[in-house]
Amino acid sequence: REGLLEMIGTGLDFVFANESEALTISGSEEIESAIAYFKTIAQGFAITRGANGSLIYDGENLLEIDSHPVQAIDTVGAGDMYAGAFLYGITHGMGYKGAGNLASLAAARVVSTFGARLQTEEIQSLRDSIVLG
């Protein structure tokens, strides 16, 4: 924990963490305390919570993003898929809520298959379901 905090220094633009990581980094056992702590080290953040969805702080508002219930088969790559889809959404004008919804859906899809990747067609379908939906 101390080594990580020393590396990140005094301010980050955005942090991705799962709930366990957020609690560890904040030195807390309560998600509310972890949220408060993350607000002191980053301008924005996303905390994934598995089946409980995710929390995204956009610098002003804490947004709750619903999960997409699936039968999880393999969770390898879920965090990377979430982060990648979220960043895609932000850089393509979806806003934090839309990007969070895309990220949640993409992570749900990747855990419902073996392996950490989706086929290109499936990724495009996910994107279109959020953009057009």
N, C-alpha and C. Protein backbone atom coordinates (compact mmCIF):
# COMPACT_ATOMS: atom_id res chain seq x y z
N ARG A 1 0.83 -1.20 0.00
CA ARG A 1 0.00 0.00 0.00
C ARG A 1 0.87 1.26 0.00
N GLU A 2 1.84 1.31 0.90
CA GLU A 2 2.68 2.51 1.00
C GLU A 2 3.48 2.74 -0.28
N GLY A 3 4.02 1.66 -0.85
CA GLY A 3 4.78 1.79 -2.09
C GLY A 3 3.92 2.29 -3.23
N LEU A 4 2.69 1.81 -3.30
CA LEU A 4 1.77 2.27 -4.34
C LEU A 4 1.46 3.74 -4.16
N LEU A 5 1.15 4.15 -2.95
CA LEU A 5 0.83 5.55 -2.69
C LEU A 5 2.01 6.45 -2.98
N GLU A 6 3.21 5.97 -2.70
CA GLU A 6 4.41 6.75 -3.01
C GLU A 6 4.57 6.91 -4.53
N MET A 7 4.28 5.86 -5.28
CA MET A 7 4.38 5.91 -6.74
C MET A 7 3.39 6.88 -7.36
N ILE A 8 2.16 6.88 -6.88
CA ILE A 8 1.14 7.71 -7.52
C ILE A 8 1.25 9.18 -7.17
N GLY A 9 1.90 9.48 -6.07
CA GLY A 9 2.14 10.88 -5.75
C GLY A 9 0.90 11.63 -5.28
N THR A 10 0.83 12.90 -5.67
CA THR A 10 -0.19 13.78 -5.11
C THR A 10 -1.30 14.15 -6.08
N GLY A 11 -1.79 13.25 -6.80
CA GLY A 11 -2.93 13.58 -7.62
C GLY A 11 -2.97 12.83 -8.93
N LEU A 12 -4.05 12.19 -9.15
CA LEU A 12 -4.26 11.40 -10.36
C LEU A 12 -5.47 11.95 -11.10
N ASP A 13 -5.46 11.79 -12.41
CA ASP A 13 -6.62 12.19 -13.18
C ASP A 13 -7.78 11.22 -12.94
N PHE A 14 -7.50 9.92 -13.06
CA PHE A 14 -8.57 8.92 -12.94
C PHE A 14 -7.97 7.62 -12.45
N VAL A 15 -8.71 6.93 -11.58
CA VAL A 15 -8.26 5.65 -11.03
C VAL A 15 -9.35 4.60 -11.26
N PHE A 16 -8.92 3.41 -11.66
CA PHE A 16 -9.80 2.24 -11.73
C PHE A 16 -9.37 1.28 -10.63
N ALA A 17 -10.33 0.76 -9.88
CA ALA A 17 -10.03 -0.23 -8.85
C ALA A 17 -11.26 -1.10 -8.64
N ASN A 18 -11.02 -2.34 -8.25
CA ASN A 18 -12.17 -3.12 -7.81
C ASN A 18 -12.40 -2.81 -6.33
N GLU A 19 -13.49 -3.27 -5.79
CA GLU A 19 -13.84 -2.90 -4.43
C GLU A 19 -12.78 -3.33 -3.41
N SER A 20 -12.25 -4.51 -3.58
CA SER A 20 -11.22 -5.00 -2.67
C SER A 20 -9.98 -4.11 -2.72
N GLU A 21 -9.56 -3.74 -3.92
CA GLU A 21 -8.41 -2.85 -4.07
C GLU A 21 -8.68 -1.48 -3.45
N ALA A 22 -9.88 -0.97 -3.67
CA ALA A 22 -10.23 0.35 -3.11
C ALA A 22 -10.20 0.34 -1.59
N LEU A 23 -10.70 -0.73 -1.00
CA LEU A 23 -10.67 -0.83 0.46
C LEU A 23 -9.24 -0.95 0.97
N THR A 24 -8.43 -1.73 0.29
CA THR A 24 -7.03 -1.88 0.71
C THR A 24 -6.27 -0.58 0.59
N ILE A 25 -6.39 0.08 -0.56
CA ILE A 25 -5.66 1.33 -0.78
C ILE A 25 -6.09 2.40 0.23
N SER A 26 -7.38 2.44 0.53
CA SER A 26 -7.88 3.46 1.46
C SER A 26 -7.64 3.08 2.92
N GLY A 27 -7.28 1.83 3.17
CA GLY A 27 -7.08 1.38 4.54
C GLY A 27 -8.38 1.30 5.30
N SER A 28 -9.45 1.00 4.59
CA SER A 28 -10.78 1.01 5.20
C SER A 28 -11.48 -0.33 5.01
N GLU A 29 -12.53 -0.53 5.77
CA GLU A 29 -13.38 -1.70 5.60
C GLU A 29 -14.76 -1.32 5.06
N GLU A 30 -14.99 -0.03 4.86
CA GLU A 30 -16.29 0.48 4.40
C GLU A 30 -16.13 1.19 3.06
N ILE A 31 -17.01 0.89 2.11
CA ILE A 31 -16.90 1.49 0.78
C ILE A 31 -17.06 3.01 0.83
N GLU A 32 -17.87 3.52 1.75
CA GLU A 32 -18.05 4.97 1.85
C GLU A 32 -16.74 5.67 2.21
N SER A 33 -15.97 5.05 3.08
CA SER A 33 -14.66 5.61 3.45
C SER A 33 -13.69 5.53 2.28
N ALA A 34 -13.75 4.44 1.53
CA ALA A 34 -12.89 4.30 0.35
C ALA A 34 -13.23 5.38 -0.68
N ILE A 35 -14.50 5.64 -0.88
CA ILE A 35 -14.93 6.68 -1.82
C ILE A 35 -14.39 8.04 -1.37
N ALA A 36 -14.55 8.34 -0.11
CA ALA A 36 -14.05 9.62 0.42
C ALA A 36 -12.54 9.73 0.23
N TYR A 37 -11.82 8.64 0.47
CA TYR A 37 -10.38 8.66 0.30
C TYR A 37 -10.00 8.86 -1.17
N PHE A 38 -10.64 8.14 -2.06
CA PHE A 38 -10.32 8.27 -3.48
C PHE A 38 -10.56 9.69 -3.98
N LYS A 39 -11.52 10.37 -3.42
CA LYS A 39 -11.77 11.77 -3.81
C LYS A 39 -10.59 12.66 -3.45
N THR A 40 -9.77 12.25 -2.50
CA THR A 40 -8.61 13.06 -2.11
C THR A 40 -7.39 12.79 -2.96
N ILE A 41 -7.37 11.67 -3.71
CA ILE A 41 -6.18 11.34 -4.50
C ILE A 41 -6.41 11.40 -6.00
N ALA A 42 -7.67 11.52 -6.43
CA ALA A 42 -7.94 11.49 -7.87
C ALA A 42 -9.09 12.43 -8.21
N GLN A 43 -9.01 12.97 -9.42
CA GLN A 43 -10.09 13.84 -9.90
C GLN A 43 -11.34 13.03 -10.23
N GLY A 44 -11.16 11.78 -10.58
CA GLY A 44 -12.27 10.89 -10.88
C GLY A 44 -11.85 9.46 -10.65
N PHE A 45 -12.83 8.56 -10.54
CA PHE A 45 -12.50 7.15 -10.34
C PHE A 45 -13.69 6.27 -10.65
N ALA A 46 -13.37 5.00 -10.87
CA ALA A 46 -14.38 3.96 -11.03
C ALA A 46 -14.01 2.82 -10.08
N ILE A 47 -14.97 2.39 -9.30
CA ILE A 47 -14.79 1.25 -8.41
C ILE A 47 -15.78 0.18 -8.86
N THR A 48 -15.25 -0.94 -9.33
CA THR A 48 -16.12 -2.04 -9.76
C THR A 48 -16.46 -2.90 -8.56
N ARG A 49 -17.70 -3.42 -8.59
CA ARG A 49 -18.19 -4.17 -7.44
C ARG A 49 -18.82 -5.50 -7.85
N GLY A 50 -18.34 -6.07 -8.97
CA GLY A 50 -18.87 -7.35 -9.43
C GLY A 50 -20.36 -7.29 -9.70
N ALA A 51 -21.08 -8.23 -9.12
CA ALA A 51 -22.53 -8.31 -9.33
C ALA A 51 -23.27 -7.09 -8.77
N ASN A 52 -22.60 -6.29 -7.96
CA ASN A 52 -23.23 -5.08 -7.40
C ASN A 52 -22.99 -3.85 -8.27
N GLY A 53 -22.51 -4.03 -9.49
CA GLY A 53 -22.32 -2.91 -10.39
C GLY A 53 -21.02 -2.16 -10.12
N SER A 54 -21.05 -0.86 -10.35
CA SER A 54 -19.86 -0.06 -10.13
C SER A 54 -20.25 1.35 -9.71
N LEU A 55 -19.27 2.05 -9.19
CA LEU A 55 -19.43 3.44 -8.77
C LEU A 55 -18.44 4.27 -9.56
N ILE A 56 -18.92 5.36 -10.13
CA ILE A 56 -18.05 6.25 -10.90
C ILE A 56 -18.18 7.65 -10.33
N TYR A 57 -17.04 8.25 -10.06
CA TYR A 57 -17.01 9.64 -9.61
C TYR A 57 -16.47 10.48 -10.75
N ASP A 58 -17.26 11.45 -11.20
CA ASP A 58 -16.90 12.27 -12.36
C ASP A 58 -16.25 13.60 -11.98
N GLY A 59 -15.89 13.74 -10.72
CA GLY A 59 -15.31 14.99 -10.24
C GLY A 59 -16.31 15.83 -9.48
N GLU A 60 -17.60 15.53 -9.67
CA GLU A 60 -18.67 16.23 -8.96
C GLU A 60 -19.72 15.29 -8.40
N ASN A 61 -20.07 14.29 -9.17
CA ASN A 61 -21.16 13.39 -8.82
C ASN A 61 -20.69 11.95 -8.72
N LEU A 62 -21.28 11.22 -7.79
CA LEU A 62 -21.04 9.78 -7.68
C LEU A 62 -22.18 9.08 -8.41
N LEU A 63 -21.84 8.37 -9.45
CA LEU A 63 -22.83 7.68 -10.28
C LEU A 63 -22.83 6.20 -9.95
N GLU A 64 -24.01 5.63 -9.82
CA GLU A 64 -24.13 4.19 -9.61
C GLU A 64 -24.48 3.55 -10.94
N ILE A 65 -23.67 2.58 -11.34
CA ILE A 65 -23.87 1.87 -12.60
C ILE A 65 -24.34 0.46 -12.27
N ASP A 66 -25.45 0.06 -12.86
CA ASP A 66 -25.99 -1.27 -12.62
C ASP A 66 -25.12 -2.34 -13.27
N SER A 67 -25.15 -3.51 -12.67
CA SER A 67 -24.49 -4.66 -13.28
C SER A 67 -25.44 -5.27 -14.30
N HIS A 68 -24.91 -6.19 -15.08
CA HIS A 68 -25.71 -6.95 -16.04
C HIS A 68 -25.58 -8.40 -15.62
N PRO A 69 -26.62 -8.96 -14.99
CA PRO A 69 -26.52 -10.32 -14.47
C PRO A 69 -26.18 -11.35 -15.55
N VAL A 70 -25.14 -12.11 -15.28
CA VAL A 70 -24.71 -13.19 -16.17
C VAL A 70 -24.20 -14.33 -15.30
N GLN A 71 -24.02 -15.47 -15.92
CA GLN A 71 -23.38 -16.60 -15.27
C GLN A 71 -21.88 -16.44 -15.49
N ALA A 72 -21.15 -16.03 -14.46
CA ALA A 72 -19.71 -15.82 -14.60
C ALA A 72 -19.00 -17.16 -14.73
N ILE A 73 -18.18 -17.25 -15.78
CA ILE A 73 -17.42 -18.46 -16.05
C ILE A 73 -15.94 -18.22 -15.78
N ASP A 74 -15.43 -17.06 -16.20
CA ASP A 74 -14.01 -16.76 -16.10
C ASP A 74 -13.87 -15.25 -15.92
N THR A 75 -13.38 -14.82 -14.77
CA THR A 75 -13.30 -13.37 -14.50
C THR A 75 -11.99 -12.73 -14.97
N VAL A 76 -11.10 -13.52 -15.54
CA VAL A 76 -9.84 -12.97 -16.05
C VAL A 76 -10.15 -11.95 -17.15
N GLY A 77 -9.61 -10.77 -16.99
CA GLY A 77 -9.80 -9.73 -17.99
C GLY A 77 -10.97 -8.80 -17.75
N ALA A 78 -11.78 -9.07 -16.74
CA ALA A 78 -12.97 -8.25 -16.50
C ALA A 78 -12.61 -6.80 -16.19
N GLY A 79 -11.62 -6.59 -15.34
CA GLY A 79 -11.23 -5.23 -14.99
C GLY A 79 -10.64 -4.48 -16.17
N ASP A 80 -9.80 -5.17 -16.94
CA ASP A 80 -9.22 -4.54 -18.14
C ASP A 80 -10.30 -4.21 -19.16
N MET A 81 -11.26 -5.11 -19.33
CA MET A 81 -12.35 -4.86 -20.28
C MET A 81 -13.18 -3.66 -19.81
N TYR A 82 -13.46 -3.60 -18.50
CA TYR A 82 -14.22 -2.49 -17.95
C TYR A 82 -13.48 -1.18 -18.23
N ALA A 83 -12.20 -1.13 -17.89
CA ALA A 83 -11.43 0.10 -18.07
C ALA A 83 -11.35 0.49 -19.54
N GLY A 84 -11.08 -0.46 -20.41
CA GLY A 84 -10.97 -0.17 -21.83
C GLY A 84 -12.27 0.34 -22.42
N ALA A 85 -13.38 -0.31 -22.07
CA ALA A 85 -14.68 0.12 -22.58
C ALA A 85 -15.06 1.49 -22.03
N PHE A 86 -14.76 1.73 -20.76
CA PHE A 86 -15.05 3.03 -20.17
C PHE A 86 -14.27 4.13 -20.89
N LEU A 87 -12.99 3.91 -21.08
CA LEU A 87 -12.16 4.92 -21.75
C LEU A 87 -12.59 5.14 -23.19
N TYR A 88 -13.00 4.06 -23.85
CA TYR A 88 -13.54 4.20 -25.21
C TYR A 88 -14.77 5.11 -25.17
N GLY A 89 -15.67 4.83 -24.23
CA GLY A 89 -16.89 5.62 -24.12
C GLY A 89 -16.61 7.09 -23.85
N ILE A 90 -15.71 7.37 -22.94
CA ILE A 90 -15.36 8.76 -22.61
C ILE A 90 -14.77 9.48 -23.81
N THR A 91 -13.86 8.80 -24.51
CA THR A 91 -13.19 9.44 -25.65
C THR A 91 -14.08 9.52 -26.89
N HIS A 92 -15.25 8.89 -26.83
CA HIS A 92 -16.19 8.96 -27.95
C HIS A 92 -17.49 9.67 -27.57
N GLY A 93 -17.41 10.52 -26.56
CA GLY A 93 -18.51 11.41 -26.23
C GLY A 93 -19.71 10.81 -25.54
N MET A 94 -19.56 9.66 -24.90
CA MET A 94 -20.70 9.03 -24.24
C MET A 94 -21.00 9.61 -22.86
N GLY A 95 -20.09 10.39 -22.30
CA GLY A 95 -20.27 10.87 -20.93
C GLY A 95 -20.00 9.76 -19.94
N TYR A 96 -19.91 10.11 -18.68
CA TYR A 96 -19.55 9.14 -17.65
C TYR A 96 -20.60 8.04 -17.48
N LYS A 97 -21.86 8.39 -17.51
CA LYS A 97 -22.92 7.39 -17.32
C LYS A 97 -22.95 6.42 -18.49
N GLY A 98 -22.92 6.94 -19.71
CA GLY A 98 -22.93 6.07 -20.88
C GLY A 98 -21.69 5.19 -20.95
N ALA A 99 -20.54 5.78 -20.65
CA ALA A 99 -19.29 5.02 -20.65
C ALA A 99 -19.33 3.94 -19.57
N GLY A 100 -19.89 4.27 -18.41
CA GLY A 100 -20.02 3.29 -17.34
C GLY A 100 -20.94 2.15 -17.73
N ASN A 101 -22.04 2.48 -18.41
CA ASN A 101 -22.96 1.42 -18.86
C ASN A 101 -22.29 0.52 -19.89
N LEU A 102 -21.54 1.11 -20.82
CA LEU A 102 -20.82 0.31 -21.80
C LEU A 102 -19.79 -0.58 -21.10
N ALA A 103 -19.06 -0.03 -20.16
CA ALA A 103 -18.05 -0.78 -19.43
C ALA A 103 -18.66 -1.94 -18.65
N SER A 104 -19.79 -1.69 -18.01
CA SER A 104 -20.46 -2.73 -17.24
C SER A 104 -20.93 -3.86 -18.15
N LEU A 105 -21.51 -3.50 -19.26
CA LEU A 105 -21.99 -4.51 -20.21
C LEU A 105 -20.83 -5.31 -20.80
N ALA A 106 -19.74 -4.63 -21.17
CA ALA A 106 -18.59 -5.32 -21.74
C ALA A 106 -17.95 -6.27 -20.74
N ALA A 107 -17.82 -5.83 -19.49
CA ALA A 107 -17.24 -6.70 -18.45
C ALA A 107 -18.13 -7.91 -18.20
N ALA A 108 -19.44 -7.70 -18.21
CA ALA A 108 -20.37 -8.83 -18.02
C ALA A 108 -20.22 -9.85 -19.14
N ARG A 109 -20.07 -9.37 -20.35
CA ARG A 109 -19.90 -10.28 -21.48
C ARG A 109 -18.60 -11.06 -21.38
N VAL A 110 -17.53 -10.39 -21.00
CA VAL A 110 -16.23 -11.08 -20.97
C VAL A 110 -16.18 -12.13 -19.87
N VAL A 111 -16.86 -11.93 -18.75
CA VAL A 111 -16.84 -12.95 -17.69
C VAL A 111 -17.75 -14.13 -18.01
N SER A 112 -18.61 -13.99 -19.01
CA SER A 112 -19.52 -15.08 -19.35
C SER A 112 -18.92 -16.03 -20.40
N THR A 113 -17.64 -15.81 -20.74
CA THR A 113 -16.93 -16.68 -21.68
C THR A 113 -15.55 -17.00 -21.11
N PHE A 114 -14.91 -18.01 -21.68
CA PHE A 114 -13.54 -18.31 -21.30
C PHE A 114 -12.60 -17.39 -22.05
N GLY A 115 -11.62 -16.88 -21.36
CA GLY A 115 -10.64 -15.99 -21.97
C GLY A 115 -10.96 -14.54 -21.69
N ALA A 116 -9.98 -13.71 -21.94
CA ALA A 116 -10.09 -12.30 -21.56
C ALA A 116 -10.45 -11.39 -22.73
N ARG A 117 -10.86 -11.94 -23.84
CA ARG A 117 -11.15 -11.12 -25.02
C ARG A 117 -12.50 -11.48 -25.63
N LEU A 118 -13.08 -10.49 -26.28
CA LEU A 118 -14.30 -10.69 -27.06
C LEU A 118 -13.96 -10.56 -28.53
N GLN A 119 -14.78 -11.14 -29.36
CA GLN A 119 -14.62 -11.00 -30.81
C GLN A 119 -14.96 -9.57 -31.22
N THR A 120 -14.36 -9.09 -32.28
CA THR A 120 -14.57 -7.73 -32.77
C THR A 120 -16.05 -7.45 -33.00
N GLU A 121 -16.76 -8.39 -33.59
CA GLU A 121 -18.18 -8.20 -33.86
C GLU A 121 -18.99 -8.01 -32.58
N GLU A 122 -18.63 -8.75 -31.55
CA GLU A 122 -19.33 -8.63 -30.27
C GLU A 122 -19.06 -7.28 -29.62
N ILE A 123 -17.83 -6.80 -29.71
CA ILE A 123 -17.48 -5.49 -29.17
C ILE A 123 -18.26 -4.39 -29.89
N GLN A 124 -18.34 -4.50 -31.21
CA GLN A 124 -19.09 -3.50 -31.98
C GLN A 124 -20.57 -3.55 -31.64
N SER A 125 -21.11 -4.73 -31.41
CA SER A 125 -22.51 -4.88 -31.02
C SER A 125 -22.78 -4.24 -29.66
N LEU A 126 -21.86 -4.44 -28.71
CA LEU A 126 -22.00 -3.82 -27.39
C LEU A 126 -22.01 -2.30 -27.52
N ARG A 127 -21.04 -1.79 -28.25
CA ARG A 127 -20.95 -0.34 -28.46
C ARG A 127 -22.24 0.20 -29.07
N ASP A 128 -22.73 -0.46 -30.08
CA ASP A 128 -23.95 0.00 -30.76
C ASP A 128 -25.17 -0.08 -29.86
N SER A 129 -25.21 -1.07 -28.96
CA SER A 129 -26.37 -1.19 -28.07
C SER A 129 -26.44 -0.02 -27.10
N ILE A 130 -25.29 0.54 -26.72
CA ILE A 130 -25.26 1.70 -25.83
C ILE A 130 -25.50 2.98 -26.62
N VAL A 131 -24.82 3.13 -27.73
CA VAL A 131 -24.93 4.35 -28.54
C VAL A 131 -26.33 4.49 -29.11
N LEU A 132 -26.88 3.39 -29.63
CA LEU A 132 -28.19 3.43 -30.28
C LEU A 132 -29.33 3.20 -29.32
N GLY A 133 -29.01 2.58 -28.15
CA GLY A 133 -30.03 2.19 -27.19
C GLY A 133 -30.54 3.34 -26.43
